[in-house]
Amino acid sequence: MSVQLFYFAGLRETLGCGSEELSLPPEVDTVAALRDFLAARGEAWQTLAGMKNLKAAVNQTMAGGEAAIKDGDEVAFFPPVTGG
């Protein structure tokens, strides 16, 4: 399965990239499993596992960790936005 990933805001700077296309093993079929898969890359990628309130969208629709992902999907991760 191949998905297009996007990383926004400070997450993009931390990871050193704004987007990538990635082939995933069959067991990575939810947003939570994808997050864990990416975090296993180590170093800066572990930020994904430790970031509380990390937001995700699948095909431009907000999605929780249980949301399914399938071949050809676009998945975006971004930290919560604060203002004041």
PDB file of N, CA and C in Angstrom:
ATOM      1  N   MET A   1       0.849  -1.166   0.000  1.00  0.00           N
ATOM      2  CA  MET A   1       0.000   0.000   0.000  1.00  0.00           C
ATOM      3  C   MET A   1       0.896   1.230   0.000  1.00  0.00           C
ATOM      4  N   SER A   2       0.519   2.216  -0.783  1.00  0.00           N
ATOM      5  CA  SER A   2       1.284   3.455  -0.877  1.00  0.00           C
ATOM      6  C   SER A   2       0.389   4.616  -0.464  1.00  0.00           C
ATOM      7  N   VAL A   3       0.913   5.509   0.382  1.00  0.00           N
ATOM      8  CA  VAL A   3       0.174   6.688   0.825  1.00  0.00           C
ATOM      9  C   VAL A   3       1.050   7.920   0.662  1.00  0.00           C
ATOM     10  N   GLN A   4       0.402   9.059   0.531  1.00  0.00           N
ATOM     11  CA  GLN A   4       1.094  10.342   0.481  1.00  0.00           C
ATOM     12  C   GLN A   4       0.963  10.975   1.866  1.00  0.00           C
ATOM     13  N   LEU A   5       2.085  11.341   2.467  1.00  0.00           N
ATOM     14  CA  LEU A   5       2.091  11.921   3.804  1.00  0.00           C
ATOM     15  C   LEU A   5       2.466  13.389   3.744  1.00  0.00           C
ATOM     16  N   PHE A   6       1.839  14.174   4.614  1.00  0.00           N
ATOM     17  CA  PHE A   6       2.130  15.597   4.737  1.00  0.00           C
ATOM     18  C   PHE A   6       2.357  15.924   6.204  1.00  0.00           C
ATOM     19  N   TYR A   7       3.346  16.772   6.464  1.00  0.00           N
ATOM     20  CA  TYR A   7       3.683  17.198   7.827  1.00  0.00           C
ATOM     21  C   TYR A   7       3.633  18.716   7.856  1.00  0.00           C
ATOM     22  N   PHE A   8       2.898  19.285   8.815  1.00  0.00           N
ATOM     23  CA  PHE A   8       2.682  20.719   8.839  1.00  0.00           C
ATOM     24  C   PHE A   8       3.251  21.381  10.088  1.00  0.00           C
ATOM     25  N   ALA A   9       3.402  22.695   9.982  1.00  0.00           N
ATOM     26  CA  ALA A   9       3.831  23.579  11.067  1.00  0.00           C
ATOM     27  C   ALA A   9       5.183  23.135  11.638  1.00  0.00           C
ATOM     28  N   GLY A  10       5.329  23.192  12.948  1.00  0.00           N
ATOM     29  CA  GLY A  10       6.599  22.851  13.581  1.00  0.00           C
ATOM     30  C   GLY A  10       7.011  21.417  13.341  1.00  0.00           C
ATOM     31  N   LEU A  11       6.056  20.565  13.071  1.00  0.00           N
ATOM     32  CA  LEU A  11       6.362  19.165  12.800  1.00  0.00           C
ATOM     33  C   LEU A  11       7.201  19.037  11.530  1.00  0.00           C
ATOM     34  N   ARG A  12       6.907  19.845  10.548  1.00  0.00           N
ATOM     35  CA  ARG A  12       7.676  19.838   9.299  1.00  0.00           C
ATOM     36  C   ARG A  12       9.136  20.198   9.572  1.00  0.00           C
ATOM     37  N   GLU A  13       9.361  21.207  10.414  1.00  0.00           N
ATOM     38  CA  GLU A  13      10.730  21.609  10.733  1.00  0.00           C
ATOM     39  C   GLU A  13      11.445  20.529  11.541  1.00  0.00           C
ATOM     40  N   THR A  14      10.759  19.933  12.495  1.00  0.00           N
ATOM     41  CA  THR A  14      11.358  18.895  13.328  1.00  0.00           C
ATOM     42  C   THR A  14      11.780  17.684  12.504  1.00  0.00           C
ATOM     43  N   LEU A  15      10.924  17.280  11.567  1.00  0.00           N
ATOM     44  CA  LEU A  15      11.201  16.084  10.768  1.00  0.00           C
ATOM     45  C   LEU A  15      12.095  16.364   9.561  1.00  0.00           C
ATOM     46  N   GLY A  16      12.191  17.618   9.183  1.00  0.00           N
ATOM     47  CA  GLY A  16      13.043  17.970   8.055  1.00  0.00           C
ATOM     48  C   GLY A  16      12.430  17.708   6.695  1.00  0.00           C
ATOM     49  N   CYS A  17      11.124  17.494   6.649  1.00  0.00           N
ATOM     50  CA  CYS A  17      10.444  17.325   5.367  1.00  0.00           C
ATOM     51  C   CYS A  17       8.978  17.698   5.517  1.00  0.00           C
ATOM     52  N   GLY A  18       8.391  18.146   4.427  1.00  0.00           N
ATOM     53  CA  GLY A  18       6.993  18.536   4.440  1.00  0.00           C
ATOM     54  C   GLY A  18       6.055  17.483   3.892  1.00  0.00           C
ATOM     55  N   SER A  19       6.619  16.578   3.080  1.00  0.00           N
ATOM     56  CA  SER A  19       5.780  15.526   2.514  1.00  0.00           C
ATOM     57  C   SER A  19       6.654  14.395   1.998  1.00  0.00           C
ATOM     58  N   GLU A  20       6.026  13.260   1.819  1.00  0.00           N
ATOM     59  CA  GLU A  20       6.706  12.100   1.252  1.00  0.00           C
ATOM     60  C   GLU A  20       5.665  11.089   0.801  1.00  0.00           C
ATOM     61  N   GLU A  21       6.042  10.254  -0.145  1.00  0.00           N
ATOM     62  CA  GLU A  21       5.226   9.104  -0.521  1.00  0.00           C
ATOM     63  C   GLU A  21       5.876   7.892   0.106  1.00  0.00           C
ATOM     64  N   LEU A  22       5.078   7.042   0.709  1.00  0.00           N
ATOM     65  CA  LEU A  22       5.627   5.928   1.469  1.00  0.00           C
ATOM     66  C   LEU A  22       4.845   4.649   1.197  1.00  0.00           C
ATOM     67  N   SER A  23       5.575   3.571   0.997  1.00  0.00           N
ATOM     68  CA  SER A  23       4.955   2.242   0.892  1.00  0.00           C
ATOM     69  C   SER A  23       4.882   1.656   2.288  1.00  0.00           C
ATOM     70  N   LEU A  24       3.718   1.136   2.632  1.00  0.00           N
ATOM     71  CA  LEU A  24       3.482   0.613   3.976  1.00  0.00           C
ATOM     72  C   LEU A  24       3.238  -0.888   3.952  1.00  0.00           C
ATOM     73  N   PRO A  25       3.659  -1.581   5.014  1.00  0.00           N
ATOM     74  CA  PRO A  25       3.325  -3.000   5.120  1.00  0.00           C
ATOM     75  C   PRO A  25       1.826  -3.161   5.390  1.00  0.00           C
ATOM     76  N   PRO A  26       1.258  -4.305   5.096  1.00  0.00           N
ATOM     77  CA  PRO A  26      -0.197  -4.516   5.227  1.00  0.00           C
ATOM     78  C   PRO A  26      -0.743  -4.257   6.631  1.00  0.00           C
ATOM     79  N   GLU A  27       0.053  -4.487   7.660  1.00  0.00           N
ATOM     80  CA  GLU A  27      -0.457  -4.314   9.029  1.00  0.00           C
ATOM     81  C   GLU A  27      -0.595  -2.842   9.434  1.00  0.00           C
ATOM     82  N   VAL A  28      -0.053  -1.929   8.659  1.00  0.00           N
ATOM     83  CA  VAL A  28      -0.199  -0.498   8.948  1.00  0.00           C
ATOM     84  C   VAL A  28      -1.432  -0.018   8.188  1.00  0.00           C
ATOM     85  N   ASP A  29      -2.587  -0.114   8.859  1.00  0.00           N
ATOM     86  CA  ASP A  29      -3.849   0.166   8.177  1.00  0.00           C
ATOM     87  C   ASP A  29      -4.744   1.155   8.911  1.00  0.00           C
ATOM     88  N   THR A  30      -4.206   1.797   9.961  1.00  0.00           N
ATOM     89  CA  THR A  30      -4.925   2.851  10.665  1.00  0.00           C
ATOM     90  C   THR A  30      -3.976   4.023  10.894  1.00  0.00           C
ATOM     91  N   VAL A  31      -4.549   5.165  11.241  1.00  0.00           N
ATOM     92  CA  VAL A  31      -3.726   6.335  11.536  1.00  0.00           C
ATOM     93  C   VAL A  31      -2.796   6.053  12.710  1.00  0.00           C
ATOM     94  N   ALA A  32      -3.295   5.394  13.759  1.00  0.00           N
ATOM     95  CA  ALA A  32      -2.457   5.082  14.919  1.00  0.00           C
ATOM     96  C   ALA A  32      -1.305   4.154  14.544  1.00  0.00           C
ATOM     97  N   ALA A  33      -1.579   3.150  13.732  1.00  0.00           N
ATOM     98  CA  ALA A  33      -0.521   2.229  13.307  1.00  0.00           C
ATOM     99  C   ALA A  33       0.507   2.949  12.442  1.00  0.00           C
ATOM    100  N   LEU A  34       0.050   3.890  11.618  1.00  0.00           N
ATOM    101  CA  LEU A  34       0.969   4.673  10.801  1.00  0.00           C
ATOM    102  C   LEU A  34       1.848   5.550  11.680  1.00  0.00           C
ATOM    103  N   ARG A  35       1.257   6.179  12.659  1.00  0.00           N
ATOM    104  CA  ARG A  35       2.023   7.022  13.597  1.00  0.00           C
ATOM    105  C   ARG A  35       3.102   6.198  14.289  1.00  0.00           C
ATOM    106  N   ASP A  36       2.759   5.021  14.764  1.00  0.00           N
ATOM    107  CA  ASP A  36       3.738   4.140  15.412  1.00  0.00           C
ATOM    108  C   ASP A  36       4.823   3.694  14.426  1.00  0.00           C
ATOM    109  N   PHE A  37       4.424   3.383  13.214  1.00  0.00           N
ATOM    110  CA  PHE A  37       5.363   2.958  12.178  1.00  0.00           C
ATOM    111  C   PHE A  37       6.381   4.066  11.897  1.00  0.00           C
ATOM    112  N   LEU A  38       5.893   5.289  11.781  1.00  0.00           N
ATOM    113  CA  LEU A  38       6.785   6.422  11.523  1.00  0.00           C
ATOM    114  C   LEU A  38       7.700   6.689  12.719  1.00  0.00           C
ATOM    115  N   ALA A  39       7.157   6.622  13.921  1.00  0.00           N
ATOM    116  CA  ALA A  39       7.951   6.868  15.131  1.00  0.00           C
ATOM    117  C   ALA A  39       9.083   5.857  15.264  1.00  0.00           C
ATOM    118  N   ALA A  40       8.876   4.656  14.754  1.00  0.00           N
ATOM    119  CA  ALA A  40       9.900   3.611  14.840  1.00  0.00           C
ATOM    120  C   ALA A  40      11.116   3.925  13.977  1.00  0.00           C
ATOM    121  N   ARG A  41      11.031   4.950  13.144  1.00  0.00           N
ATOM    122  CA  ARG A  41      12.190   5.372  12.355  1.00  0.00           C
ATOM    123  C   ARG A  41      13.301   5.919  13.267  1.00  0.00           C
ATOM    124  N   GLY A  42      12.934   6.309  14.476  1.00  0.00           N
ATOM    125  CA  GLY A  42      13.916   6.792  15.439  1.00  0.00           C
ATOM    126  C   GLY A  42      14.121   8.290  15.380  1.00  0.00           C
ATOM    127  N   GLU A  43      15.015   8.742  16.233  1.00  0.00           N
ATOM    128  CA  GLU A  43      15.425  10.140  16.358  1.00  0.00           C
ATOM    129  C   GLU A  43      14.249  11.101  16.273  1.00  0.00           C
ATOM    130  N   ALA A  44      14.275  12.050  15.354  1.00  0.00           N
ATOM    131  CA  ALA A  44      13.236  13.082  15.278  1.00  0.00           C
ATOM    132  C   ALA A  44      11.844  12.484  15.098  1.00  0.00           C
ATOM    133  N   TRP A  45      11.769  11.342  14.440  1.00  0.00           N
ATOM    134  CA  TRP A  45      10.467  10.716  14.179  1.00  0.00           C
ATOM    135  C   TRP A  45       9.766  10.278  15.457  1.00  0.00           C
ATOM    136  N   GLN A  46      10.495  10.065  16.531  1.00  0.00           N
ATOM    137  CA  GLN A  46       9.880   9.691  17.806  1.00  0.00           C
ATOM    138  C   GLN A  46       9.023  10.817  18.365  1.00  0.00           C
ATOM    139  N   THR A  47       9.206  12.014  17.829  1.00  0.00           N
ATOM    140  CA  THR A  47       8.361  13.149  18.203  1.00  0.00           C
ATOM    141  C   THR A  47       6.894  12.812  17.974  1.00  0.00           C
ATOM    142  N   LEU A  48       6.611  12.076  16.913  1.00  0.00           N
ATOM    143  CA  LEU A  48       5.226  11.710  16.607  1.00  0.00           C
ATOM    144  C   LEU A  48       4.600  10.900  17.732  1.00  0.00           C
ATOM    145  N   ALA A  49       5.361  10.003  18.319  1.00  0.00           N
ATOM    146  CA  ALA A  49       4.825   9.154  19.382  1.00  0.00           C
ATOM    147  C   ALA A  49       4.606   9.939  20.665  1.00  0.00           C
ATOM    148  N   GLY A  50       5.476  10.909  20.936  1.00  0.00           N
ATOM    149  CA  GLY A  50       5.394  11.634  22.187  1.00  0.00           C
ATOM    150  C   GLY A  50       4.550  12.887  22.157  1.00  0.00           C
ATOM    151  N   MET A  51       4.090  13.298  20.994  1.00  0.00           N
ATOM    152  CA  MET A  51       3.351  14.548  20.870  1.00  0.00           C
ATOM    153  C   MET A  51       1.898  14.351  21.277  1.00  0.00           C
ATOM    154  N   LYS A  52       1.513  15.005  22.368  1.00  0.00           N
ATOM    155  CA  LYS A  52       0.125  14.931  22.806  1.00  0.00           C
ATOM    156  C   LYS A  52      -0.727  15.794  21.886  1.00  0.00           C
ATOM    157  N   ASN A  53      -1.918  15.356  21.651  1.00  0.00           N
ATOM    158  CA  ASN A  53      -2.877  16.097  20.831  1.00  0.00           C
ATOM    159  C   ASN A  53      -2.437  16.281  19.382  1.00  0.00           C
ATOM    160  N   LEU A  54      -1.597  15.385  18.885  1.00  0.00           N
ATOM    161  CA  LEU A  54      -1.223  15.430  17.474  1.00  0.00           C
ATOM    162  C   LEU A  54      -2.489  15.210  16.647  1.00  0.00           C
ATOM    163  N   LYS A  55      -2.717  16.070  15.695  1.00  0.00           N
ATOM    164  CA  LYS A  55      -3.904  15.975  14.842  1.00  0.00           C
ATOM    165  C   LYS A  55      -3.547  15.248  13.559  1.00  0.00           C
ATOM    166  N   ALA A  56      -4.547  14.593  12.982  1.00  0.00           N
ATOM    167  CA  ALA A  56      -4.350  13.892  11.714  1.00  0.00           C
ATOM    168  C   ALA A  56      -5.582  14.094  10.839  1.00  0.00           C
ATOM    169  N   ALA A  57      -5.351  14.037   9.542  1.00  0.00           N
ATOM    170  CA  ALA A  57      -6.448  14.081   8.571  1.00  0.00           C
ATOM    171  C   ALA A  57      -6.167  13.034   7.508  1.00  0.00           C
ATOM    172  N   VAL A  58      -7.213  12.364   7.068  1.00  0.00           N
ATOM    173  CA  VAL A  58      -7.124  11.403   5.975  1.00  0.00           C
ATOM    174  C   VAL A  58      -7.978  11.957   4.840  1.00  0.00           C
ATOM    175  N   ASN A  59      -7.334  12.165   3.702  1.00  0.00           N
ATOM    176  CA  ASN A  59      -8.026  12.741   2.542  1.00  0.00           C
ATOM    177  C   ASN A  59      -8.756  14.036   2.908  1.00  0.00           C
ATOM    178  N   GLN A  60      -8.060  14.885   3.678  1.00  0.00           N
ATOM    179  CA  GLN A  60      -8.511  16.210   4.080  1.00  0.00           C
ATOM    180  C   GLN A  60      -9.706  16.214   5.014  1.00  0.00           C
ATOM    181  N   THR A  61      -9.930  15.102   5.709  1.00  0.00           N
ATOM    182  CA  THR A  61     -10.981  15.015   6.717  1.00  0.00           C
ATOM    183  C   THR A  61     -10.334  14.631   8.038  1.00  0.00           C
ATOM    184  N   MET A  62     -10.609  15.392   9.088  1.00  0.00           N
ATOM    185  CA  MET A  62     -10.029  15.094  10.392  1.00  0.00           C
ATOM    186  C   MET A  62     -10.302  13.637  10.754  1.00  0.00           C
ATOM    187  N   ALA A  63      -9.298  12.993  11.343  1.00  0.00           N
ATOM    188  CA  ALA A  63      -9.406  11.559  11.626  1.00  0.00           C
ATOM    189  C   ALA A  63      -8.734  11.228  12.945  1.00  0.00           C
ATOM    190  N   GLY A  64      -9.328  10.314  13.680  1.00  0.00           N
ATOM    191  CA  GLY A  64      -8.733   9.811  14.912  1.00  0.00           C
ATOM    192  C   GLY A  64      -7.814   8.644  14.618  1.00  0.00           C
ATOM    193  N   GLY A  65      -7.190   8.133  15.649  1.00  0.00           N
ATOM    194  CA  GLY A  65      -6.241   7.037  15.514  1.00  0.00           C
ATOM    195  C   GLY A  65      -6.829   5.770  14.926  1.00  0.00           C
ATOM    196  N   GLU A  66      -8.114   5.564  15.125  1.00  0.00           N
ATOM    197  CA  GLU A  66      -8.761   4.345  14.641  1.00  0.00           C
ATOM    198  C   GLU A  66      -9.151   4.425  13.171  1.00  0.00           C
ATOM    199  N   ALA A  67      -8.998   5.595  12.567  1.00  0.00           N
ATOM    200  CA  ALA A  67      -9.401   5.779  11.171  1.00  0.00           C
ATOM    201  C   ALA A  67      -8.577   4.887  10.244  1.00  0.00           C
ATOM    202  N   ALA A  68      -9.260   4.227   9.340  1.00  0.00           N
ATOM    203  CA  ALA A  68      -8.598   3.335   8.384  1.00  0.00           C
ATOM    204  C   ALA A  68      -7.876   4.149   7.317  1.00  0.00           C
ATOM    205  N   ILE A  69      -6.757   3.609   6.861  1.00  0.00           N
ATOM    206  CA  ILE A  69      -6.068   4.175   5.704  1.00  0.00           C
ATOM    207  C   ILE A  69      -5.936   3.073   4.668  1.00  0.00           C
ATOM    208  N   LYS A  70      -5.980   3.495   3.409  1.00  0.00           N
ATOM    209  CA  LYS A  70      -5.896   2.519   2.328  1.00  0.00           C
ATOM    210  C   LYS A  70      -5.008   3.060   1.218  1.00  0.00           C
ATOM    211  N   ASP A  71      -4.710   2.225   0.275  1.00  0.00           N
ATOM    212  CA  ASP A  71      -3.830   2.583  -0.833  1.00  0.00           C
ATOM    213  C   ASP A  71      -4.316   3.855  -1.518  1.00  0.00           C
ATOM    214  N   GLY A  72      -3.381   4.778  -1.722  1.00  0.00           N
ATOM    215  CA  GLY A  72      -3.691   6.020  -2.410  1.00  0.00           C
ATOM    216  C   GLY A  72      -4.156   7.158  -1.529  1.00  0.00           C
ATOM    217  N   ASP A  73      -4.359   6.904  -0.234  1.00  0.00           N
ATOM    218  CA  ASP A  73      -4.818   7.961   0.667  1.00  0.00           C
ATOM    219  C   ASP A  73      -3.752   9.022   0.877  1.00  0.00           C
ATOM    220  N   GLU A  74      -4.216  10.217   1.232  1.00  0.00           N
ATOM    221  CA  GLU A  74      -3.356  11.288   1.697  1.00  0.00           C
ATOM    222  C   GLU A  74      -3.568  11.409   3.202  1.00  0.00           C
ATOM    223  N   VAL A  75      -2.478  11.377   3.958  1.00  0.00           N
ATOM    224  CA  VAL A  75      -2.561  11.494   5.410  1.00  0.00           C
ATOM    225  C   VAL A  75      -1.708  12.673   5.833  1.00  0.00           C
ATOM    226  N   ALA A  76      -2.290  13.567   6.617  1.00  0.00           N
ATOM    227  CA  ALA A  76      -1.564  14.741   7.105  1.00  0.00           C
ATOM    228  C   ALA A  76      -1.492  14.685   8.628  1.00  0.00           C
ATOM    229  N   PHE A  77      -0.339  15.063   9.152  1.00  0.00           N
ATOM    230  CA  PHE A  77      -0.150  15.189  10.590  1.00  0.00           C
ATOM    231  C   PHE A  77       0.222  16.635  10.893  1.00  0.00           C
ATOM    232  N   PHE A  78      -0.358  17.165  11.980  1.00  0.00           N
ATOM    233  CA  PHE A  78      -0.016  18.517  12.368  1.00  0.00           C
ATOM    234  C   PHE A  78      -0.265  18.699  13.855  1.00  0.00           C
ATOM    235  N   PRO A  79       0.588  19.530  14.478  1.00  0.00           N
ATOM    236  CA  PRO A  79       0.397  19.781  15.907  1.00  0.00           C
ATOM    237  C   PRO A  79      -0.821  20.671  16.111  1.00  0.00           C
ATOM    238  N   PRO A  80      -1.409  20.620  17.312  1.00  0.00           N
ATOM    239  CA  PRO A  80      -2.536  21.508  17.567  1.00  0.00           C
ATOM    240  C   PRO A  80      -2.084  22.963  17.478  1.00  0.00           C
ATOM    241  N   VAL A  81      -2.964  23.810  17.018  1.00  0.00           N
ATOM    242  CA  VAL A  81      -2.652  25.221  16.872  1.00  0.00           C
ATOM    243  C   VAL A  81      -3.135  25.943  18.127  1.00  0.00           C
ATOM    244  N   THR A  82      -2.278  26.785  18.662  1.00  0.00           N
ATOM    245  CA  THR A  82      -2.678  27.579  19.820  1.00  0.00           C
ATOM    246  C   THR A  82      -2.636  29.037  19.428  1.00  0.00           C
ATOM    247  N   GLY A  83      -3.410  29.788  20.085  1.00  0.00           N
ATOM    248  CA  GLY A  83      -3.449  31.226  19.819  1.00  0.00           C
ATOM    249  C   GLY A  83      -3.672  31.976  21.107  1.00  0.00           C
ATOM    250  N   GLY A  84      -3.610  33.245  21.005  1.00  0.00           N
ATOM    251  CA  GLY A  84      -3.843  33.983  22.234  1.00  0.00           C
ATOM    252  C   GLY A  84      -3.800  35.445  22.051  1.00  0.00           C
TER     253      GLY A  84
END
